Protein backbone atom coordinates (compact mmCIF):
# COMPACT_ATOMS: atom_id res chain seq x y z
CA MET A 1 -28.71 27.87 -25.03
CA LYS A 2 -30.37 28.58 -28.18
CA ARG A 3 -33.21 31.48 -27.06
CA LYS A 4 -29.59 33.20 -25.50
CA GLY A 5 -28.90 33.70 -28.94
CA PHE A 6 -26.14 31.23 -29.15
CA ASP A 7 -27.10 29.99 -32.24
CA TYR A 8 -23.96 28.73 -34.01
CA LEU A 9 -22.29 25.50 -32.96
CA LYS A 10 -18.65 25.33 -33.35
CA GLY A 11 -17.75 21.77 -31.74
CA ILE A 12 -18.27 18.89 -30.02
CA THR A 13 -15.66 16.86 -28.11
CA ALA A 14 -15.36 14.87 -24.92
CA VAL A 15 -12.99 14.06 -21.89
CA ASP A 16 -12.09 10.95 -20.75
CA TYR A 17 -11.30 11.35 -17.08
CA LYS A 18 -11.27 7.29 -16.02
CA ASP A 19 -14.86 7.54 -14.19
CA HIS A 20 -16.76 9.17 -15.99
CA LEU A 21 -16.79 10.99 -19.47
CA GLU A 22 -17.42 14.69 -19.98
CA VAL A 23 -19.33 16.03 -23.38
CA VAL A 24 -18.25 19.40 -24.51
CA TYR A 25 -20.39 21.75 -26.47
CA ILE A 26 -18.60 25.10 -27.82
CA LEU A 27 -21.50 27.46 -28.69
CA TYR A 28 -20.89 30.74 -30.30
CA ASN A 29 -23.40 33.92 -30.55
CA THR A 30 -22.82 35.50 -33.98
CA GLU A 31 -24.60 38.62 -32.99
CA GLN A 32 -23.05 39.38 -29.79
CA LYS A 33 -19.37 37.56 -30.88
CA LYS A 34 -19.72 35.59 -27.55
CA GLN A 35 -18.56 32.19 -26.84
CA GLU A 36 -19.96 29.54 -24.51
CA VAL A 37 -18.04 26.11 -23.06
CA VAL A 38 -21.63 23.48 -22.02
CA ASN A 39 -20.28 20.20 -20.29
CA VAL A 40 -21.82 17.48 -19.61
CA ASN A 41 -20.77 14.60 -17.18
CA LEU A 42 -21.93 11.26 -18.34
CA LYS A 43 -21.69 8.07 -16.17
CA ASP A 44 -21.36 4.33 -16.82
CA ASP A 45 -23.00 4.53 -20.29
CA GLU A 46 -25.26 6.99 -19.65
CA SER A 47 -26.21 8.51 -23.12
CA ILE A 48 -27.02 11.70 -24.42
CA HIS A 49 -29.34 13.33 -26.40
CA THR A 50 -29.14 14.69 -29.97
CA VAL A 51 -29.18 18.03 -30.45
CA MET A 52 -29.56 17.91 -34.66
CA MET A 53 -32.85 19.36 -33.90
CA LEU A 54 -31.34 23.08 -32.72
CA TYR A 55 -27.58 22.71 -34.79
CA ARG A 56 -27.69 20.95 -38.04
CA SER A 57 -23.82 21.18 -37.36
CA ALA A 58 -23.98 18.65 -34.82
CA ASP A 59 -24.54 15.58 -37.73
CA TRP A 60 -21.18 14.60 -38.07
CA LEU A 61 -19.47 16.05 -34.88
CA GLU A 62 -22.25 13.68 -32.72
CA ARG A 63 -21.17 10.76 -35.06
CA GLU A 64 -17.36 11.29 -34.37
CA LEU A 65 -18.07 11.59 -30.95
CA SER A 66 -20.58 8.26 -30.39
CA GLU A 67 -16.91 6.47 -33.12
CA MET A 68 -14.37 7.87 -30.80
CA PHE A 69 -15.56 7.93 -27.07
CA GLY A 70 -18.69 5.50 -27.94
CA ILE A 71 -21.05 7.61 -26.35
CA LYS A 72 -24.70 6.65 -27.31
CA ILE A 73 -26.89 9.66 -28.53
CA ILE A 74 -30.15 8.83 -28.52
CA GLY A 75 -32.25 9.81 -31.43
CA ARG A 76 -30.48 9.54 -34.02
CA ASP A 77 -28.79 6.58 -36.41
CA ALA A 78 -25.70 6.93 -38.49
CA PRO A 79 -26.17 5.01 -41.84
CA ARG A 80 -22.45 4.25 -41.96
CA LEU A 81 -19.69 4.25 -40.01
CA LEU A 82 -17.25 7.37 -41.08
CA LEU A 83 -14.05 5.49 -40.63
CA GLU A 84 -14.77 2.72 -43.41
CA LYS A 85 -12.29 -0.03 -41.89
CA TRP A 86 -13.16 0.82 -38.29
CA ASN A 87 -15.66 -1.90 -36.66
CA GLY A 88 -17.01 0.52 -34.21
CA THR A 89 -17.18 -1.47 -31.28
CA GLU A 90 -14.17 0.10 -29.55
CA ALA A 91 -13.93 3.90 -28.77
CA PRO A 92 -10.34 4.73 -29.69
CA LEU A 93 -10.22 7.85 -27.91
CA ARG A 94 -10.86 6.27 -24.56
CA LYS A 95 -8.15 5.58 -22.11
CA SER A 96 -9.16 1.36 -21.71
CA PHE A 97 -8.47 1.49 -25.45
CA VAL A 98 -6.05 -1.11 -26.61
CA TRP A 99 -3.62 -0.33 -29.46
CA GLY A 100 -3.05 -2.88 -31.36
CA ASN A 101 -5.76 -5.66 -30.49
CA GLU A 102 -7.15 -8.06 -32.94
CA ASP A 103 -9.75 -6.53 -33.58
CA TYR A 104 -8.49 -3.21 -34.91
CA LYS A 105 -5.95 -5.46 -36.63
CA ARG A 106 -8.25 -7.14 -38.39
CA GLN A 107 -10.20 -4.38 -39.57
CA GLN A 108 -6.72 -2.47 -40.87
CA GLN A 109 -6.23 -5.19 -43.33
């Protein structure tokens, strides 16, 4: 997409559909003032490759995606978790996440 002039990454997020996850990339062409949305479907613990070599702004967005949705991102290792009190083993934005579980409570103390 960068070859097509989409030189700015506005955001990355994901959607949990219970049977699969969908990663959503929001790209922007600053010259033509156009926006494009790219969706990638993931099944059963599939992983995605980092896009940091194309878009430097993907750094924190990918870290958030990894921590909040539990999506494995190939080609990057975050030095630490974004949320200091979080153990990083659960994915709070997944529909299967149970608020108030013992792991979560232990980390909040």
